[in-house]
Amino acid sequence: MAEVTTTNEILSGNAPRTNELRRFMRVFLGRKVVLVGVIIILVLIITALFAPQIAPHDPIKQNLRIALQSPSSEHLLGTDPLGRDILSRIIYGSRVSLAVGFIAVGVGGVLGMTLGLLAGYFGRIVDLLIMRFIDAMMAIPPLMLALVLGVSLGGGLNNVMIALGISLLPTYARLMRGQVLAVKQADYVKAGKVVGCSDFRIMFRHVFPNCLPPLIVLVTLNLGVAILSEASLSFLGLGISPPGAAWGAMVYDGYTYLMTNPLLSFAPGICIMLVVLAFNIVGDGLRDVLDPRLRGTI
């Protein structure tokens, strides 16, 4: 009876999907460090979504009478030079980091994948023009490119997200192009051309989905890169405008007090380190799931 049930499940298509999900969870969560990374990211998301309910104080309210106060029961991480609660500003700063990470990666991913898909699929002059443009962008370090674009656009959080997205564009374009060059030689792509499918249908229905696994890993890794880059730009004064809370700006505000009140810089700096590390760990775990040939090499 068990064999009949198993056969029926296989014929219905339920068993393969169940087995694939079990394999994903087993491999992805097979290392405890990946589980730790997932927990850190979940904590970040929950903190960002429920910041008004979690933060004990108003993050922008100033009270100079309690400026540079040491940690206490009222202010668990103390206060900054303007008397604002450090913990509350860190909690609200998670919103900026999360928004920048997803929007910047979204902008870079959509533009880069589109350009890489067009270059790899059509080849010839299209490939030449697009890839020479990408090569020119890659000649400039990503953070430097984001800095130049951020200054050119005028600073501010929205412009920083656009600048970071553009700076991440080349990595997606080159990876997508390489994947497309391999996938477009498959028999199902050639069959689609024979039966008269349009290029648009072949690209987005058959080629693009089969190029996604390594790009998903790149997206996860670039989330950490975007958050770290935003912190760097905020440190340089190009991020969110005062009195808004951003981790990079908080590190800058506290670096002159490192000897007397190190928590001003250390607390947001540790948050940046943990979040970036978590995204890299999760990206490594996804790589293990999506590319078994590399499993355990990093």
C-alpha atoms as a PDB file:
ATOM      1  CA  MET A   1       0.000   0.000   0.000  1.00  0.00           C
ATOM      2  CA  ALA A   2       2.879   2.317   0.841  1.00  0.00           C
ATOM      3  CA  GLU A   3       4.393   1.623  -2.567  1.00  0.00           C
ATOM      4  CA  VAL A   4       1.122   2.498  -4.310  1.00  0.00           C
ATOM      5  CA  THR A   5       0.879   5.763  -2.372  1.00  0.00           C
ATOM      6  CA  THR A   6       4.457   6.629  -3.251  1.00  0.00           C
ATOM      7  CA  THR A   7       3.845   5.875  -6.926  1.00  0.00           C
ATOM      8  CA  ASN A   8       0.707   8.009  -6.939  1.00  0.00           C
ATOM      9  CA  GLU A   9       2.610  10.867  -5.313  1.00  0.00           C
ATOM     10  CA  ILE A  10       5.330  10.632  -7.923  1.00  0.00           C
ATOM     11  CA  LEU A  11       2.807  10.572 -10.753  1.00  0.00           C
ATOM     12  CA  SER A  12       0.988  13.582  -9.288  1.00  0.00           C
ATOM     13  CA  GLY A  13       4.222  15.556  -8.994  1.00  0.00           C
ATOM     14  CA  ASN A  14       3.976  16.080  -5.233  1.00  0.00           C
ATOM     15  CA  ALA A  15       6.879  13.865  -4.220  1.00  0.00           C
ATOM     16  CA  PRO A  16       9.615  15.584  -6.247  1.00  0.00           C
ATOM     17  CA  ARG A  17       8.598  18.992  -4.941  1.00  0.00           C
ATOM     18  CA  THR A  18       8.529  17.688  -1.367  1.00  0.00           C
ATOM     19  CA  ASN A  19      11.892  15.999  -1.736  1.00  0.00           C
ATOM     20  CA  GLU A  20      13.408  19.130  -3.270  1.00  0.00           C
ATOM     21  CA  LEU A  21      12.121  21.266  -0.398  1.00  0.00           C
ATOM     22  CA  ARG A  22      13.522  18.801   2.130  1.00  0.00           C
ATOM     23  CA  ARG A  23      16.888  18.786   0.352  1.00  0.00           C
ATOM     24  CA  PHE A  24      16.917  22.589   0.295  1.00  0.00           C
ATOM     25  CA  MET A  25      16.234  22.843   4.023  1.00  0.00           C
ATOM     26  CA  ARG A  26      18.686  20.072   4.873  1.00  0.00           C
ATOM     27  CA  VAL A  27      21.559  21.565   2.879  1.00  0.00           C
ATOM     28  CA  PHE A  28      20.761  25.214   3.553  1.00  0.00           C
ATOM     29  CA  LEU A  29      20.404  24.786   7.301  1.00  0.00           C
ATOM     30  CA  GLY A  30      22.950  21.977   7.504  1.00  0.00           C
ATOM     31  CA  ARG A  31      25.522  24.344   8.997  1.00  0.00           C
ATOM     32  CA  LYS A  32      24.701  26.137  12.238  1.00  0.00           C
ATOM     33  CA  VAL A  33      26.473  29.278  11.071  1.00  0.00           C
ATOM     34  CA  VAL A  34      23.929  29.647   8.232  1.00  0.00           C
ATOM     35  CA  LEU A  35      21.105  29.370  10.754  1.00  0.00           C
ATOM     36  CA  VAL A  36      22.741  32.128  12.791  1.00  0.00           C
ATOM     37  CA  GLY A  37      22.898  34.302   9.658  1.00  0.00           C
ATOM     38  CA  VAL A  38      19.212  33.687   8.938  1.00  0.00           C
ATOM     39  CA  ILE A  39      18.295  34.629  12.522  1.00  0.00           C
ATOM     40  CA  ILE A  40      20.279  37.888  12.312  1.00  0.00           C
ATOM     41  CA  ILE A  41      18.540  38.829   9.046  1.00  0.00           C
ATOM     42  CA  LEU A  42      15.114  38.009  10.504  1.00  0.00           C
ATOM     43  CA  VAL A  43      15.889  40.140  13.555  1.00  0.00           C
ATOM     44  CA  LEU A  44      16.911  42.988  11.225  1.00  0.00           C
ATOM     45  CA  ILE A  45      13.679  42.722   9.230  1.00  0.00           C
ATOM     46  CA  ILE A  46      11.480  42.558  12.347  1.00  0.00           C
ATOM     47  CA  THR A  47      13.341  45.483  13.917  1.00  0.00           C
ATOM     48  CA  ALA A  48      12.938  47.589  10.777  1.00  0.00           C
ATOM     49  CA  LEU A  49       9.238  46.790  10.388  1.00  0.00           C
ATOM     50  CA  PHE A  50       8.318  47.400  14.024  1.00  0.00           C
ATOM     51  CA  ALA A  51      10.804  50.150  14.880  1.00  0.00           C
ATOM     52  CA  PRO A  52       8.152  52.529  16.331  1.00  0.00           C
ATOM     53  CA  GLN A  53       6.945  49.804  18.697  1.00  0.00           C
ATOM     54  CA  ILE A  54      10.415  48.548  19.668  1.00  0.00           C
ATOM     55  CA  ALA A  55      12.348  51.816  20.076  1.00  0.00           C
ATOM     56  CA  PRO A  56      12.178  53.034  23.692  1.00  0.00           C
ATOM     57  CA  HIS A  57      12.598  56.733  22.768  1.00  0.00           C
ATOM     58  CA  ASP A  58      12.113  59.181  19.918  1.00  0.00           C
ATOM     59  CA  PRO A  59      15.272  58.813  17.770  1.00  0.00           C
ATOM     60  CA  ILE A  60      15.436  62.496  16.776  1.00  0.00           C
ATOM     61  CA  LYS A  61      14.340  64.170  20.005  1.00  0.00           C
ATOM     62  CA  GLN A  62      17.198  66.171  21.518  1.00  0.00           C
ATOM     63  CA  ASN A  63      17.851  66.726  25.228  1.00  0.00           C
ATOM     64  CA  LEU A  64      21.185  68.436  25.838  1.00  0.00           C
ATOM     65  CA  ARG A  65      20.869  67.946  29.602  1.00  0.00           C
ATOM     66  CA  ILE A  66      21.596  64.235  29.180  1.00  0.00           C
ATOM     67  CA  ALA A  67      24.148  64.527  26.355  1.00  0.00           C
ATOM     68  CA  LEU A  68      26.844  61.806  26.270  1.00  0.00           C
ATOM     69  CA  GLN A  69      25.211  59.915  29.104  1.00  0.00           C
ATOM     70  CA  SER A  70      26.647  56.485  29.933  1.00  0.00           C
ATOM     71  CA  PRO A  71      24.483  53.356  29.557  1.00  0.00           C
ATOM     72  CA  SER A  72      21.715  53.170  32.142  1.00  0.00           C
ATOM     73  CA  SER A  73      18.341  51.539  32.701  1.00  0.00           C
ATOM     74  CA  GLU A  74      16.710  54.492  30.950  1.00  0.00           C
ATOM     75  CA  HIS A  75      19.136  54.571  28.012  1.00  0.00           C
ATOM     76  CA  LEU A  76      20.593  51.093  27.555  1.00  0.00           C
ATOM     77  CA  LEU A  77      23.375  52.250  25.206  1.00  0.00           C
ATOM     78  CA  GLY A  78      23.629  55.802  26.496  1.00  0.00           C
ATOM     79  CA  THR A  79      23.013  59.011  24.575  1.00  0.00           C
ATOM     80  CA  ASP A  80      24.829  60.914  21.810  1.00  0.00           C
ATOM     81  CA  PRO A  81      26.233  64.490  21.924  1.00  0.00           C
ATOM     82  CA  LEU A  82      22.713  65.885  21.369  1.00  0.00           C
ATOM     83  CA  GLY A  83      21.113  63.763  24.076  1.00  0.00           C
ATOM     84  CA  ARG A  84      19.388  61.351  21.676  1.00  0.00           C
ATOM     85  CA  ASP A  85      18.992  57.710  22.669  1.00  0.00           C
ATOM     86  CA  ILE A  86      21.590  55.598  20.846  1.00  0.00           C
ATOM     87  CA  LEU A  87      19.575  52.369  20.953  1.00  0.00           C
ATOM     88  CA  SER A  88      16.524  54.054  19.413  1.00  0.00           C
ATOM     89  CA  ARG A  89      18.636  55.547  16.633  1.00  0.00           C
ATOM     90  CA  ILE A  90      20.193  52.149  15.907  1.00  0.00           C
ATOM     91  CA  ILE A  91      16.727  50.590  15.712  1.00  0.00           C
ATOM     92  CA  TYR A  92      15.488  53.240  13.289  1.00  0.00           C
ATOM     93  CA  GLY A  93      18.769  53.054  11.378  1.00  0.00           C
ATOM     94  CA  SER A  94      17.950  49.431  10.534  1.00  0.00           C
ATOM     95  CA  ARG A  95      15.127  50.758   8.343  1.00  0.00           C
ATOM     96  CA  VAL A  96      17.575  52.806   6.289  1.00  0.00           C
ATOM     97  CA  SER A  97      19.994  49.900   5.908  1.00  0.00           C
ATOM     98  CA  LEU A  98      17.275  47.464   4.875  1.00  0.00           C
ATOM     99  CA  ALA A  99      15.666  49.890   2.430  1.00  0.00           C
ATOM    100  CA  VAL A 100      18.987  50.787   0.843  1.00  0.00           C
ATOM    101  CA  GLY A 101      19.988  47.133   0.571  1.00  0.00           C
ATOM    102  CA  PHE A 102      16.849  45.956  -1.201  1.00  0.00           C
ATOM    103  CA  ILE A 103      16.247  49.009  -3.400  1.00  0.00           C
ATOM    104  CA  ALA A 104      19.877  49.395  -4.496  1.00  0.00           C
ATOM    105  CA  VAL A 105      20.172  45.688  -5.262  1.00  0.00           C
ATOM    106  CA  GLY A 106      16.803  45.806  -7.025  1.00  0.00           C
ATOM    107  CA  VAL A 107      17.871  48.702  -9.253  1.00  0.00           C
ATOM    108  CA  GLY A 108      21.247  47.155 -10.057  1.00  0.00           C
ATOM    109  CA  GLY A 109      19.795  43.678 -10.504  1.00  0.00           C
ATOM    110  CA  VAL A 110      16.991  44.648 -12.883  1.00  0.00           C
ATOM    111  CA  LEU A 111      19.187  46.870 -15.060  1.00  0.00           C
ATOM    112  CA  GLY A 112      22.197  44.554 -14.999  1.00  0.00           C
ATOM    113  CA  MET A 113      20.268  41.366 -15.694  1.00  0.00           C
ATOM    114  CA  THR A 114      18.400  43.020 -18.561  1.00  0.00           C
ATOM    115  CA  LEU A 115      21.591  44.264 -20.194  1.00  0.00           C
ATOM    116  CA  GLY A 116      23.322  40.910 -19.672  1.00  0.00           C
ATOM    117  CA  LEU A 117      20.342  39.036 -21.112  1.00  0.00           C
ATOM    118  CA  LEU A 118      20.259  41.204 -24.228  1.00  0.00           C
ATOM    119  CA  ALA A 119      24.027  41.021 -24.726  1.00  0.00           C
ATOM    120  CA  GLY A 120      24.219  37.253 -24.295  1.00  0.00           C
ATOM    121  CA  TYR A 121      21.155  36.384 -26.352  1.00  0.00           C
ATOM    122  CA  PHE A 122      21.598  38.657 -29.378  1.00  0.00           C
ATOM    123  CA  GLY A 123      25.414  38.770 -29.405  1.00  0.00           C
ATOM    124  CA  ARG A 124      27.355  40.564 -32.165  1.00  0.00           C
ATOM    125  CA  ILE A 125      26.978  44.345 -32.180  1.00  0.00           C
ATOM    126  CA  VAL A 126      24.529  44.363 -29.245  1.00  0.00           C
ATOM    127  CA  ASP A 127      26.940  42.326 -27.148  1.00  0.00           C
ATOM    128  CA  LEU A 128      29.880  44.506 -28.195  1.00  0.00           C
ATOM    129  CA  LEU A 129      28.205  47.803 -27.303  1.00  0.00           C
ATOM    130  CA  ILE A 130      26.751  46.654 -24.006  1.00  0.00           C
ATOM    131  CA  MET A 131      29.858  44.870 -22.734  1.00  0.00           C
ATOM    132  CA  ARG A 132      32.219  47.717 -23.641  1.00  0.00           C
ATOM    133  CA  PHE A 133      29.962  49.993 -21.605  1.00  0.00           C
ATOM    134  CA  ILE A 134      30.063  47.493 -18.721  1.00  0.00           C
ATOM    135  CA  ASP A 135      33.849  47.203 -18.989  1.00  0.00           C
ATOM    136  CA  ALA A 136      34.153  50.989 -18.739  1.00  0.00           C
ATOM    137  CA  MET A 137      32.040  50.957 -15.563  1.00  0.00           C
ATOM    138  CA  MET A 138      34.085  48.119 -14.067  1.00  0.00           C
ATOM    139  CA  ALA A 139      37.272  50.141 -14.573  1.00  0.00           C
ATOM    140  CA  ILE A 140      36.075  52.315 -11.661  1.00  0.00           C
ATOM    141  CA  PRO A 141      35.891  50.715  -8.170  1.00  0.00           C
ATOM    142  CA  PRO A 142      32.201  50.291  -7.185  1.00  0.00           C
ATOM    143  CA  LEU A 143      32.411  52.439  -4.051  1.00  0.00           C
ATOM    144  CA  MET A 144      34.228  55.194  -5.942  1.00  0.00           C
ATOM    145  CA  LEU A 145      31.622  55.033  -8.710  1.00  0.00           C
ATOM    146  CA  ALA A 146      28.818  55.245  -6.141  1.00  0.00           C
ATOM    147  CA  LEU A 147      30.568  58.194  -4.487  1.00  0.00           C
ATOM    148  CA  VAL A 148      30.901  60.072  -7.783  1.00  0.00           C
ATOM    149  CA  LEU A 149      27.292  59.348  -8.752  1.00  0.00           C
ATOM    150  CA  GLY A 150      26.051  60.279  -5.290  1.00  0.00           C
ATOM    151  CA  VAL A 151      27.812  63.631  -5.403  1.00  0.00           C
ATOM    152  CA  SER A 152      26.605  64.241  -8.974  1.00  0.00           C
ATOM    153  CA  LEU A 153      22.999  63.461  -8.055  1.00  0.00           C
ATOM    154  CA  GLY A 154      23.156  65.712  -5.006  1.00  0.00           C
ATOM    155  CA  GLY A 155      23.293  63.324  -2.059  1.00  0.00           C
ATOM    156  CA  GLY A 156      20.274  62.284  -0.015  1.00  0.00           C
ATOM    157  CA  LEU A 157      18.993  58.782   0.638  1.00  0.00           C
ATOM    158  CA  ASN A 158      17.096  58.327  -2.645  1.00  0.00           C
ATOM    159  CA  ASN A 159      20.048  59.433  -4.749  1.00  0.00           C
ATOM    160  CA  VAL A 160      22.406  57.222  -2.763  1.00  0.00           C
ATOM    161  CA  MET A 161      20.198  54.201  -3.454  1.00  0.00           C
ATOM    162  CA  ILE A 162      20.203  54.973  -7.175  1.00  0.00           C
ATOM    163  CA  ALA A 163      23.967  55.507  -7.164  1.00  0.00           C
ATOM    164  CA  LEU A 164      24.603  52.237  -5.343  1.00  0.00           C
ATOM    165  CA  GLY A 165      22.269  50.379  -7.696  1.00  0.00           C
ATOM    166  CA  ILE A 166      24.133  51.664 -10.743  1.00  0.00           C
ATOM    167  CA  SER A 167      27.496  50.794  -9.177  1.00  0.00           C
ATOM    168  CA  LEU A 168      26.311  47.179  -8.666  1.00  0.00           C
ATOM    169  CA  LEU A 169      25.006  46.888 -12.226  1.00  0.00           C
ATOM    170  CA  PRO A 170      28.181  45.521 -13.927  1.00  0.00           C
ATOM    171  CA  THR A 171      28.405  42.366 -11.784  1.00  0.00           C
ATOM    172  CA  TYR A 172      24.865  41.339 -12.701  1.00  0.00           C
ATOM    173  CA  ALA A 173      25.382  42.113 -16.376  1.00  0.00           C
ATOM    174  CA  ARG A 174      28.547  40.031 -16.711  1.00  0.00           C
ATOM    175  CA  LEU A 175      27.189  37.076 -14.748  1.00  0.00           C
ATOM    176  CA  MET A 176      23.896  37.080 -16.647  1.00  0.00           C
ATOM    177  CA  ARG A 177      25.695  37.278 -19.992  1.00  0.00           C
ATOM    178  CA  GLY A 178      27.855  34.273 -19.127  1.00  0.00           C
ATOM    179  CA  GLN A 179      24.825  32.257 -18.043  1.00  0.00           C
ATOM    180  CA  VAL A 180      22.875  33.174 -21.188  1.00  0.00           C
ATOM    181  CA  LEU A 181      25.748  32.156 -23.463  1.00  0.00           C
ATOM    182  CA  ALA A 182      25.652  28.687 -21.904  1.00  0.00           C
ATOM    183  CA  VAL A 183      21.868  28.297 -21.699  1.00  0.00           C
ATOM    184  CA  LYS A 184      21.020  29.509 -25.212  1.00  0.00           C
ATOM    185  CA  GLN A 185      22.864  26.511 -26.687  1.00  0.00           C
ATOM    186  CA  ALA A 186      20.399  24.110 -25.023  1.00  0.00           C
ATOM    187  CA  ASP A 187      18.105  22.001 -27.179  1.00  0.00           C
ATOM    188  CA  TYR A 188      14.901  23.483 -25.757  1.00  0.00           C
ATOM    189  CA  VAL A 189      16.000  26.979 -26.833  1.00  0.00           C
ATOM    190  CA  LYS A 190      16.750  25.747 -30.350  1.00  0.00           C
ATOM    191  CA  ALA A 191      13.394  23.945 -30.419  1.00  0.00           C
ATOM    192  CA  GLY A 192      11.629  27.157 -29.438  1.00  0.00           C
ATOM    193  CA  LYS A 193      13.211  28.945 -32.383  1.00  0.00           C
ATOM    194  CA  VAL A 194      12.238  26.123 -34.748  1.00  0.00           C
ATOM    195  CA  VAL A 195       8.557  26.247 -33.753  1.00  0.00           C
ATOM    196  CA  GLY A 196       8.489  30.015 -34.244  1.00  0.00           C
ATOM    197  CA  CYS A 197       8.583  31.394 -30.685  1.00  0.00           C
ATOM    198  CA  SER A 198       9.480  35.073 -30.503  1.00  0.00           C
ATOM    199  CA  ASP A 199      12.816  36.175 -29.113  1.00  0.00           C
ATOM    200  CA  PHE A 200      11.023  37.878 -26.235  1.00  0.00           C
ATOM    201  CA  ARG A 201       9.229  34.660 -25.261  1.00  0.00           C
ATOM    202  CA  ILE A 202      12.383  32.557 -25.507  1.00  0.00           C
ATOM    203  CA  MET A 203      14.436  35.025 -23.457  1.00  0.00           C
ATOM    204  CA  PHE A 204      12.006  35.522 -20.605  1.00  0.00           C
ATOM    205  CA  ARG A 205      10.188  32.181 -20.620  1.00  0.00           C
ATOM    206  CA  HIS A 206      13.067  29.746 -21.207  1.00  0.00           C
ATOM    207  CA  VAL A 207      16.478  31.410 -20.950  1.00  0.00           C
ATOM    208  CA  PHE A 208      16.027  33.781 -18.015  1.00  0.00           C
ATOM    209  CA  PRO A 209      14.570  31.262 -15.482  1.00  0.00           C
ATOM    210  CA  ASN A 210      17.430  28.835 -16.140  1.00  0.00           C
ATOM    211  CA  CYS A 211      20.011  31.565 -15.469  1.00  0.00           C
ATOM    212  CA  LEU A 212      18.616  32.542 -12.069  1.00  0.00           C
ATOM    213  CA  PRO A 213      20.337  30.231  -9.499  1.00  0.00           C
ATOM    214  CA  PRO A 214      23.778  31.920  -9.462  1.00  0.00           C
ATOM    215  CA  LEU A 215      22.122  35.333  -9.712  1.00  0.00           C
ATOM    216  CA  ILE A 216      20.074  34.629  -6.582  1.00  0.00           C
ATOM    217  CA  VAL A 217      23.311  33.999  -4.710  1.00  0.00           C
ATOM    218  CA  LEU A 218      24.778  37.243  -6.092  1.00  0.00           C
ATOM    219  CA  VAL A 219      21.697  39.181  -4.969  1.00  0.00           C
ATOM    220  CA  THR A 220      22.095  37.877  -1.421  1.00  0.00           C
ATOM    221  CA  LEU A 221      25.785  38.742  -1.317  1.00  0.00           C
ATOM    222  CA  ASN A 222      25.186  42.205  -2.778  1.00  0.00           C
ATOM    223  CA  LEU A 223      22.644  43.022  -0.085  1.00  0.00           C
ATOM    224  CA  GLY A 224      25.518  43.056   2.386  1.00  0.00           C
ATOM    225  CA  VAL A 225      27.698  45.011  -0.040  1.00  0.00           C
ATOM    226  CA  ALA A 226      24.974  47.639  -0.506  1.00  0.00           C
ATOM    227  CA  ILE A 227      24.453  48.046   3.247  1.00  0.00           C
ATOM    228  CA  LEU A 228      28.188  48.425   3.830  1.00  0.00           C
ATOM    229  CA  SER A 229      28.510  50.895   0.942  1.00  0.00           C
ATOM    230  CA  GLU A 230      25.589  52.964   2.243  1.00  0.00           C
ATOM    231  CA  ALA A 231      27.257  53.090   5.651  1.00  0.00           C
ATOM    232  CA  SER A 232      30.462  54.288   3.992  1.00  0.00           C
ATOM    233  CA  LEU A 233      28.653  57.005   2.044  1.00  0.00           C
ATOM    234  CA  SER A 234      26.726  58.053   5.161  1.00  0.00           C
ATOM    235  CA  PHE A 235      30.026  58.273   7.012  1.00  0.00           C
ATOM    236  CA  LEU A 236      31.174  60.688   4.298  1.00  0.00           C
ATOM    237  CA  GLY A 237      27.984  62.732   4.618  1.00  0.00           C
ATOM    238  CA  LEU A 238      26.178  61.576   1.466  1.00  0.00           C
ATOM    239  CA  GLY A 239      23.477  59.448   3.077  1.00  0.00           C
ATOM    240  CA  ILE A 240      20.305  60.344   4.921  1.00  0.00           C
ATOM    241  CA  SER A 241      19.974  63.989   5.906  1.00  0.00           C
ATOM    242  CA  PRO A 242      20.134  64.969   9.604  1.00  0.00           C
ATOM    243  CA  PRO A 243      18.476  64.371  11.981  1.00  0.00           C
ATOM    244  CA  GLY A 244      17.579  61.025  10.426  1.00  0.00           C
ATOM    245  CA  ALA A 245      19.291  57.932  11.823  1.00  0.00           C
ATOM    246  CA  ALA A 246      21.737  55.924   9.692  1.00  0.00           C
ATOM    247  CA  TRP A 247      24.397  53.552  11.005  1.00  0.00           C
ATOM    248  CA  GLY A 248      27.230  55.020   8.931  1.00  0.00           C
ATOM    249  CA  ALA A 249      26.403  58.577  10.018  1.00  0.00           C
ATOM    250  CA  MET A 250      26.268  57.421  13.648  1.00  0.00           C
ATOM    251  CA  VAL A 251      29.762  55.954  13.328  1.00  0.00           C
ATOM    252  CA  TYR A 252      30.963  59.305  11.974  1.00  0.00           C
ATOM    253  CA  ASP A 253      29.228  61.266  14.747  1.00  0.00           C
ATOM    254  CA  GLY A 254      30.902  59.139  17.408  1.00  0.00           C
ATOM    255  CA  TYR A 255      34.443  58.771  16.138  1.00  0.00           C
ATOM    256  CA  THR A 256      35.611  61.972  17.901  1.00  0.00           C
ATOM    257  CA  TYR A 257      34.449  60.464  21.205  1.00  0.00           C
ATOM    258  CA  LEU A 258      36.174  57.097  20.839  1.00  0.00           C
ATOM    259  CA  MET A 259      38.319  57.604  23.941  1.00  0.00           C
ATOM    260  CA  THR A 260      35.550  58.914  26.191  1.00  0.00           C
ATOM    261  CA  ASN A 261      32.406  57.188  24.873  1.00  0.00           C
ATOM    262  CA  PRO A 262      33.295  54.399  22.411  1.00  0.00           C
ATOM    263  CA  LEU A 263      29.727  53.056  22.244  1.00  0.00           C
ATOM    264  CA  LEU A 264      28.782  55.996  20.027  1.00  0.00           C
ATOM    265  CA  SER A 265      30.740  54.403  17.169  1.00  0.00           C
ATOM    266  CA  PHE A 266      31.099  50.798  18.298  1.00  0.00           C
ATOM    267  CA  ALA A 267      27.371  50.064  18.658  1.00  0.00           C
ATOM    268  CA  PRO A 268      26.333  50.986  15.074  1.00  0.00           C
ATOM    269  CA  GLY A 269      29.638  49.622  13.748  1.00  0.00           C
ATOM    270  CA  ILE A 270      28.952  46.211  15.295  1.00  0.00           C
ATOM    271  CA  CYS A 271      25.437  46.250  13.775  1.00  0.00           C
ATOM    272  CA  ILE A 272      26.905  46.921  10.326  1.00  0.00           C
ATOM    273  CA  MET A 273      29.438  44.120  10.767  1.00  0.00           C
ATOM    274  CA  LEU A 274      26.849  41.563  11.928  1.00  0.00           C
ATOM    275  CA  VAL A 275      24.336  42.338   9.178  1.00  0.00           C
ATOM    276  CA  VAL A 276      26.917  42.280   6.373  1.00  0.00           C
ATOM    277  CA  LEU A 277      28.382  39.048   7.761  1.00  0.00           C
ATOM    278  CA  ALA A 278      24.908  37.507   7.994  1.00  0.00           C
ATOM    279  CA  PHE A 279      24.087  38.246   4.342  1.00  0.00           C
ATOM    280  CA  ASN A 280      27.417  36.789   3.248  1.00  0.00           C
ATOM    281  CA  ILE A 281      26.853  33.636   5.300  1.00  0.00           C
ATOM    282  CA  VAL A 282      23.333  33.194   3.906  1.00  0.00           C
ATOM    283  CA  GLY A 283      24.642  33.765   0.387  1.00  0.00           C
ATOM    284  CA  ASP A 284      27.241  31.078   0.967  1.00  0.00           C
ATOM    285  CA  GLY A 285      24.503  28.728   2.177  1.00  0.00           C
ATOM    286  CA  LEU A 286      22.399  29.404  -0.908  1.00  0.00           C
ATOM    287  CA  ARG A 287      25.416  28.705  -3.078  1.00  0.00           C
ATOM    288  CA  ASP A 288      25.747  25.289  -1.427  1.00  0.00           C
ATOM    289  CA  VAL A 289      22.112  24.523  -2.249  1.00  0.00           C
ATOM    290  CA  LEU A 290      22.083  25.835  -5.812  1.00  0.00           C
ATOM    291  CA  ASP A 291      25.546  24.615  -6.870  1.00  0.00           C
ATOM    292  CA  PRO A 292      26.333  21.259  -5.200  1.00  0.00           C
ATOM    293  CA  ARG A 293      29.685  21.078  -7.050  1.00  0.00           C
ATOM    294  CA  LEU A 294      31.032  23.851  -4.806  1.00  0.00           C
ATOM    295  CA  ARG A 295      29.538  22.503  -1.593  1.00  0.00           C
ATOM    296  CA  GLY A 296      31.802  23.008   1.380  1.00  0.00           C
ATOM    297  CA  THR A 297      34.649  24.689  -0.514  1.00  0.00           C
ATOM    298  CA  ILE A 298      34.227  27.987   1.367  1.00  0.00           C
END
